[in-house]
Amino acid sequence: MATLALTIAGLWFAARGVDPGKLGATFAGVRWNWVAAGAVATVIQIVMFGIAWRTGLRAAGVGDVALRHVIGATWIGRAGNAVLPARMGEVARVVVIRRHLSAQDGSIPRLAGTLIAQRILGSLATLIIVVLVAATMPLLVPLPNLSNVGAAAGIIVLLAIALRGRVRLGSRLKVIVPRRLRGLFG
């Protein structure tokens, strides 16, 4: 009963300055085919995130988790990220998927590591796409001199290559990275 009262109070607080007539007019102008297209795109995105996370779980040696459980946890995590602060939906993803694993396979640090790896790889892919688009497409607003950005990226890559030999990154990765993922790093 208290939950219902809290929900009603929250809805009243959120909608107290909304004019119902304007809201109705706004919804009358919605193009529902675009809403449907957005819903389909969201479903595809979450299924792809679930497949990618399942691949990461397998690579980390977590075990074979049913795809429906991984996609369900991904949905719950996405919903949690929408309504909870500080991306707490990611914590919900770990908690939900952990229920479907043995205590040995479902350690929280290992599961969290798979999420962090997924976020890092997703961020790198996004960065590459943004850089390629900014470098190849004509933009409405000219960007500052991109040659400086390219030069900086080149220097960082060269430094990483040069330091790899000195720091022996490969031997350090063998200590840090789980055994099943070592093949990815040479």
C-alpha atoms as a PDB file:
ATOM      1  CA  MET A   1       0.000   0.000   0.000  1.00  0.00           C
ATOM      2  CA  ALA A   2       2.866   2.358   0.809  1.00  0.00           C
ATOM      3  CA  THR A   3       4.433   1.601  -2.576  1.00  0.00           C
ATOM      4  CA  LEU A   4       1.215   2.563  -4.356  1.00  0.00           C
ATOM      5  CA  ALA A   5       0.970   5.801  -2.385  1.00  0.00           C
ATOM      6  CA  LEU A   6       4.603   6.612  -3.137  1.00  0.00           C
ATOM      7  CA  THR A   7       4.046   5.903  -6.843  1.00  0.00           C
ATOM      8  CA  ILE A   8       0.981   8.146  -6.990  1.00  0.00           C
ATOM      9  CA  ALA A   9       2.835  10.928  -5.156  1.00  0.00           C
ATOM     10  CA  GLY A  10       5.770  10.601  -7.561  1.00  0.00           C
ATOM     11  CA  LEU A  11       3.503  10.748 -10.608  1.00  0.00           C
ATOM     12  CA  TRP A  12       1.703  13.791  -9.227  1.00  0.00           C
ATOM     13  CA  PHE A  13       5.026  15.525  -8.531  1.00  0.00           C
ATOM     14  CA  ALA A  14       6.320  14.751 -12.034  1.00  0.00           C
ATOM     15  CA  ALA A  15       3.120  15.835 -13.825  1.00  0.00           C
ATOM     16  CA  ARG A  16       2.048  18.813 -11.728  1.00  0.00           C
ATOM     17  CA  GLY A  17       3.050  21.432 -14.337  1.00  0.00           C
ATOM     18  CA  VAL A  18       1.850  19.559 -17.424  1.00  0.00           C
ATOM     19  CA  ASP A  19      -1.081  20.973 -19.384  1.00  0.00           C
ATOM     20  CA  PRO A  20      -3.227  17.983 -20.461  1.00  0.00           C
ATOM     21  CA  GLY A  21      -4.454  19.789 -23.583  1.00  0.00           C
ATOM     22  CA  LYS A  22      -0.932  20.477 -24.821  1.00  0.00           C
ATOM     23  CA  LEU A  23       0.128  16.950 -23.957  1.00  0.00           C
ATOM     24  CA  GLY A  24      -2.778  15.528 -25.977  1.00  0.00           C
ATOM     25  CA  ALA A  25      -1.957  17.789 -28.932  1.00  0.00           C
ATOM     26  CA  THR A  26       1.650  16.687 -28.811  1.00  0.00           C
ATOM     27  CA  PHE A  27       0.701  13.000 -28.869  1.00  0.00           C
ATOM     28  CA  ALA A  28      -1.781  13.635 -31.697  1.00  0.00           C
ATOM     29  CA  GLY A  29       1.137  14.816 -33.841  1.00  0.00           C
ATOM     30  CA  VAL A  30       3.326  11.784 -33.137  1.00  0.00           C
ATOM     31  CA  ARG A  31       4.262   9.714 -36.163  1.00  0.00           C
ATOM     32  CA  TRP A  32       3.748   6.230 -34.793  1.00  0.00           C
ATOM     33  CA  ASN A  33       5.719   4.567 -37.572  1.00  0.00           C
ATOM     34  CA  TRP A  34       8.834   6.293 -36.201  1.00  0.00           C
ATOM     35  CA  VAL A  35       7.949   5.183 -32.680  1.00  0.00           C
ATOM     36  CA  ALA A  36       7.649   1.597 -33.934  1.00  0.00           C
ATOM     37  CA  ALA A  37      10.955   1.883 -35.802  1.00  0.00           C
ATOM     38  CA  GLY A  38      12.618   3.186 -32.635  1.00  0.00           C
ATOM     39  CA  ALA A  39      11.171   0.322 -30.602  1.00  0.00           C
ATOM     40  CA  VAL A  40      12.434  -2.247 -33.116  1.00  0.00           C
ATOM     41  CA  ALA A  41      15.885  -0.607 -33.129  1.00  0.00           C
ATOM     42  CA  THR A  42      15.967  -0.711 -29.320  1.00  0.00           C
ATOM     43  CA  VAL A  43      15.049  -4.406 -29.254  1.00  0.00           C
ATOM     44  CA  ILE A  44      17.771  -5.186 -31.810  1.00  0.00           C
ATOM     45  CA  GLN A  45      20.317  -3.160 -29.843  1.00  0.00           C
ATOM     46  CA  ILE A  46      19.556  -4.898 -26.554  1.00  0.00           C
ATOM     47  CA  VAL A  47      19.634  -8.347 -28.161  1.00  0.00           C
ATOM     48  CA  MET A  48      23.016  -7.519 -29.729  1.00  0.00           C
ATOM     49  CA  PHE A  49      24.336  -6.234 -26.381  1.00  0.00           C
ATOM     50  CA  GLY A  50      23.126  -9.478 -24.804  1.00  0.00           C
ATOM     51  CA  ILE A  51      24.865 -11.598 -27.436  1.00  0.00           C
ATOM     52  CA  ALA A  52      28.072  -9.600 -27.007  1.00  0.00           C
ATOM     53  CA  TRP A  53      27.925  -9.931 -23.220  1.00  0.00           C
ATOM     54  CA  ARG A  54      27.300 -13.676 -23.493  1.00  0.00           C
ATOM     55  CA  THR A  55      30.407 -13.929 -25.675  1.00  0.00           C
ATOM     56  CA  GLY A  56      32.367 -12.020 -23.026  1.00  0.00           C
ATOM     57  CA  LEU A  57      31.011 -14.261 -20.283  1.00  0.00           C
ATOM     58  CA  ARG A  58      32.144 -17.354 -22.178  1.00  0.00           C
ATOM     59  CA  ALA A  59      35.574 -15.851 -22.877  1.00  0.00           C
ATOM     60  CA  ALA A  60      36.003 -15.036 -19.187  1.00  0.00           C
ATOM     61  CA  GLY A  61      35.265 -18.637 -18.273  1.00  0.00           C
ATOM     62  CA  VAL A  62      32.005 -17.860 -16.526  1.00  0.00           C
ATOM     63  CA  GLY A  63      30.219 -20.738 -18.179  1.00  0.00           C
ATOM     64  CA  ASP A  64      27.429 -21.246 -20.651  1.00  0.00           C
ATOM     65  CA  VAL A  65      24.545 -18.981 -19.707  1.00  0.00           C
ATOM     66  CA  ALA A  66      21.302 -19.290 -21.636  1.00  0.00           C
ATOM     67  CA  LEU A  67      20.894 -16.420 -24.080  1.00  0.00           C
ATOM     68  CA  ARG A  68      17.422 -15.649 -22.732  1.00  0.00           C
ATOM     69  CA  HIS A  69      18.876 -15.046 -19.268  1.00  0.00           C
ATOM     70  CA  VAL A  70      21.607 -12.785 -20.624  1.00  0.00           C
ATOM     71  CA  ILE A  71      19.150 -10.777 -22.727  1.00  0.00           C
ATOM     72  CA  GLY A  72      16.750 -10.560 -19.775  1.00  0.00           C
ATOM     73  CA  ALA A  73      19.524  -9.247 -17.539  1.00  0.00           C
ATOM     74  CA  THR A  74      20.484  -6.758 -20.250  1.00  0.00           C
ATOM     75  CA  TRP A  75      16.878  -5.487 -20.425  1.00  0.00           C
ATOM     76  CA  ILE A  76      16.764  -5.109 -16.649  1.00  0.00           C
ATOM     77  CA  GLY A  77      20.104  -3.308 -16.647  1.00  0.00           C
ATOM     78  CA  ARG A  78      18.969  -0.910 -19.375  1.00  0.00           C
ATOM     79  CA  ALA A  79      15.751  -0.148 -17.479  1.00  0.00           C
ATOM     80  CA  GLY A  80      17.741   0.370 -14.280  1.00  0.00           C
ATOM     81  CA  ASN A  81      20.115   2.761 -16.046  1.00  0.00           C
ATOM     82  CA  ALA A  82      17.111   4.773 -17.211  1.00  0.00           C
ATOM     83  CA  VAL A  83      15.614   5.271 -13.758  1.00  0.00           C
ATOM     84  CA  LEU A  84      18.466   4.822 -11.272  1.00  0.00           C
ATOM     85  CA  PRO A  85      21.398   7.154 -10.698  1.00  0.00           C
ATOM     86  CA  ALA A  86      25.058   6.351 -11.442  1.00  0.00           C
ATOM     87  CA  ARG A  87      24.317   3.563 -13.958  1.00  0.00           C
ATOM     88  CA  MET A  88      23.136   1.290 -11.169  1.00  0.00           C
ATOM     89  CA  GLY A  89      21.410  -0.813 -13.814  1.00  0.00           C
ATOM     90  CA  GLU A  90      24.797  -2.391 -14.475  1.00  0.00           C
ATOM     91  CA  VAL A  91      24.803  -3.641 -10.885  1.00  0.00           C
ATOM     92  CA  ALA A  92      21.328  -5.049 -11.495  1.00  0.00           C
ATOM     93  CA  ARG A  93      22.647  -6.890 -14.579  1.00  0.00           C
ATOM     94  CA  VAL A  94      25.321  -8.575 -12.470  1.00  0.00           C
ATOM     95  CA  VAL A  95      22.857  -9.511  -9.728  1.00  0.00           C
ATOM     96  CA  VAL A  96      20.316 -10.919 -12.192  1.00  0.00           C
ATOM     97  CA  ILE A  97      22.798 -12.980 -14.212  1.00  0.00           C
ATOM     98  CA  ARG A  98      24.488 -14.256 -11.060  1.00  0.00           C
ATOM     99  CA  ARG A  99      21.305 -16.124 -10.121  1.00  0.00           C
ATOM    100  CA  HIS A 100      21.809 -18.353 -13.167  1.00  0.00           C
ATOM    101  CA  LEU A 101      25.405 -19.304 -12.386  1.00  0.00           C
ATOM    102  CA  SER A 102      27.126 -21.510  -9.871  1.00  0.00           C
ATOM    103  CA  ALA A 103      28.859 -19.820  -6.943  1.00  0.00           C
ATOM    104  CA  GLN A 104      32.226 -20.679  -8.478  1.00  0.00           C
ATOM    105  CA  ASP A 105      31.446 -19.233 -11.926  1.00  0.00           C
ATOM    106  CA  GLY A 106      29.329 -16.294 -10.792  1.00  0.00           C
ATOM    107  CA  SER A 107      31.825 -14.282  -8.791  1.00  0.00           C
ATOM    108  CA  ILE A 108      30.892 -10.626  -8.759  1.00  0.00           C
ATOM    109  CA  PRO A 109      34.370  -9.346  -9.750  1.00  0.00           C
ATOM    110  CA  ARG A 110      34.463 -11.644 -12.772  1.00  0.00           C
ATOM    111  CA  LEU A 111      30.964 -10.642 -13.890  1.00  0.00           C
ATOM    112  CA  ALA A 112      31.700  -6.963 -13.346  1.00  0.00           C
ATOM    113  CA  GLY A 113      34.919  -7.372 -15.326  1.00  0.00           C
ATOM    114  CA  THR A 114      32.976  -8.670 -18.306  1.00  0.00           C
ATOM    115  CA  LEU A 115      30.746  -5.592 -18.187  1.00  0.00           C
ATOM    116  CA  ILE A 116      33.722  -3.258 -17.913  1.00  0.00           C
ATOM    117  CA  ALA A 117      35.393  -4.970 -20.868  1.00  0.00           C
ATOM    118  CA  GLN A 118      32.185  -4.638 -22.886  1.00  0.00           C
ATOM    119  CA  ARG A 119      31.966  -0.920 -22.091  1.00  0.00           C
ATOM    120  CA  ILE A 120      35.619  -0.327 -22.982  1.00  0.00           C
ATOM    121  CA  LEU A 121      35.296  -2.134 -26.309  1.00  0.00           C
ATOM    122  CA  GLY A 122      32.054  -0.296 -27.064  1.00  0.00           C
ATOM    123  CA  SER A 123      33.690   3.035 -26.274  1.00  0.00           C
ATOM    124  CA  LEU A 124      36.651   2.249 -28.513  1.00  0.00           C
ATOM    125  CA  ALA A 125      34.335   1.274 -31.362  1.00  0.00           C
ATOM    126  CA  THR A 126      32.351   4.491 -30.899  1.00  0.00           C
ATOM    127  CA  LEU A 127      35.545   6.555 -30.856  1.00  0.00           C
ATOM    128  CA  ILE A 128      36.738   4.958 -34.088  1.00  0.00           C
ATOM    129  CA  ILE A 129      33.385   5.585 -35.778  1.00  0.00           C
ATOM    130  CA  VAL A 130      33.276   9.221 -34.627  1.00  0.00           C
ATOM    131  CA  VAL A 131      36.833   9.865 -35.803  1.00  0.00           C
ATOM    132  CA  LEU A 132      36.162   8.241 -39.186  1.00  0.00           C
ATOM    133  CA  VAL A 133      32.933  10.188 -39.669  1.00  0.00           C
ATOM    134  CA  ALA A 134      34.543  13.473 -38.611  1.00  0.00           C
ATOM    135  CA  ALA A 135      37.478  12.867 -40.947  1.00  0.00           C
ATOM    136  CA  THR A 136      35.481  11.797 -44.006  1.00  0.00           C
ATOM    137  CA  MET A 137      32.110  13.538 -43.989  1.00  0.00           C
ATOM    138  CA  PRO A 138      31.530  17.194 -44.670  1.00  0.00           C
ATOM    139  CA  LEU A 139      30.181  18.722 -41.493  1.00  0.00           C
ATOM    140  CA  LEU A 140      27.832  21.674 -41.103  1.00  0.00           C
ATOM    141  CA  VAL A 141      30.173  23.376 -38.660  1.00  0.00           C
ATOM    142  CA  PRO A 142      33.878  23.171 -39.388  1.00  0.00           C
ATOM    143  CA  LEU A 143      35.877  21.438 -36.707  1.00  0.00           C
ATOM    144  CA  PRO A 144      39.135  22.777 -35.363  1.00  0.00           C
ATOM    145  CA  ASN A 145      42.250  21.606 -37.118  1.00  0.00           C
ATOM    146  CA  LEU A 146      41.909  17.801 -37.202  1.00  0.00           C
ATOM    147  CA  SER A 147      45.505  17.354 -38.258  1.00  0.00           C
ATOM    148  CA  ASN A 148      46.498  18.065 -34.643  1.00  0.00           C
ATOM    149  CA  VAL A 149      44.126  15.353 -33.432  1.00  0.00           C
ATOM    150  CA  GLY A 150      45.499  12.922 -36.014  1.00  0.00           C
ATOM    151  CA  ALA A 151      49.065  13.785 -35.091  1.00  0.00           C
ATOM    152  CA  ALA A 152      48.319  13.294 -31.392  1.00  0.00           C
ATOM    153  CA  ALA A 153      46.658   9.933 -32.085  1.00  0.00           C
ATOM    154  CA  GLY A 154      49.653   8.875 -34.176  1.00  0.00           C
ATOM    155  CA  ILE A 155      52.085   9.845 -31.430  1.00  0.00           C
ATOM    156  CA  ILE A 156      50.057   7.906 -28.854  1.00  0.00           C
ATOM    157  CA  VAL A 157      50.047   4.813 -31.071  1.00  0.00           C
ATOM    158  CA  LEU A 158      53.803   5.090 -31.664  1.00  0.00           C
ATOM    159  CA  LEU A 159      54.445   5.521 -27.948  1.00  0.00           C
ATOM    160  CA  ALA A 160      52.295   2.504 -27.165  1.00  0.00           C
ATOM    161  CA  ILE A 161      54.230   0.421 -29.687  1.00  0.00           C
ATOM    162  CA  ALA A 162      57.585   1.680 -28.376  1.00  0.00           C
ATOM    163  CA  LEU A 163      56.637   1.128 -24.736  1.00  0.00           C
ATOM    164  CA  ARG A 164      55.258  -2.327 -25.391  1.00  0.00           C
ATOM    165  CA  GLY A 165      58.774  -3.636 -25.880  1.00  0.00           C
ATOM    166  CA  ARG A 166      60.223  -1.778 -22.893  1.00  0.00           C
ATOM    167  CA  VAL A 167      57.494  -2.345 -20.376  1.00  0.00           C
ATOM    168  CA  ARG A 168      56.907  -5.943 -21.427  1.00  0.00           C
ATOM    169  CA  LEU A 169      53.199  -5.378 -21.619  1.00  0.00           C
ATOM    170  CA  GLY A 170      52.656  -8.939 -22.795  1.00  0.00           C
ATOM    171  CA  SER A 171      54.145 -10.439 -19.629  1.00  0.00           C
ATOM    172  CA  ARG A 172      52.091  -8.105 -17.451  1.00  0.00           C
ATOM    173  CA  LEU A 173      48.921  -8.973 -19.315  1.00  0.00           C
ATOM    174  CA  LYS A 174      49.557 -12.644 -18.601  1.00  0.00           C
ATOM    175  CA  VAL A 175      49.319 -11.844 -14.918  1.00  0.00           C
ATOM    176  CA  ILE A 176      46.326  -9.517 -15.189  1.00  0.00           C
ATOM    177  CA  VAL A 177      44.209 -11.119 -17.917  1.00  0.00           C
ATOM    178  CA  PRO A 178      42.425 -14.422 -17.275  1.00  0.00           C
ATOM    179  CA  ARG A 179      43.965 -17.439 -19.010  1.00  0.00           C
ATOM    180  CA  ARG A 180      41.124 -17.814 -21.551  1.00  0.00           C
ATOM    181  CA  LEU A 181      41.496 -14.239 -22.775  1.00  0.00           C
ATOM    182  CA  ARG A 182      45.278 -14.274 -23.219  1.00  0.00           C
ATOM    183  CA  GLY A 183      45.066 -15.319 -26.857  1.00  0.00           C
ATOM    184  CA  LEU A 184      43.435 -11.991 -27.686  1.00  0.00           C
ATOM    185  CA  PHE A 185      46.549 -10.074 -26.616  1.00  0.00           C
ATOM    186  CA  GLY A 186      49.225 -12.075 -28.394  1.00  0.00           C
END
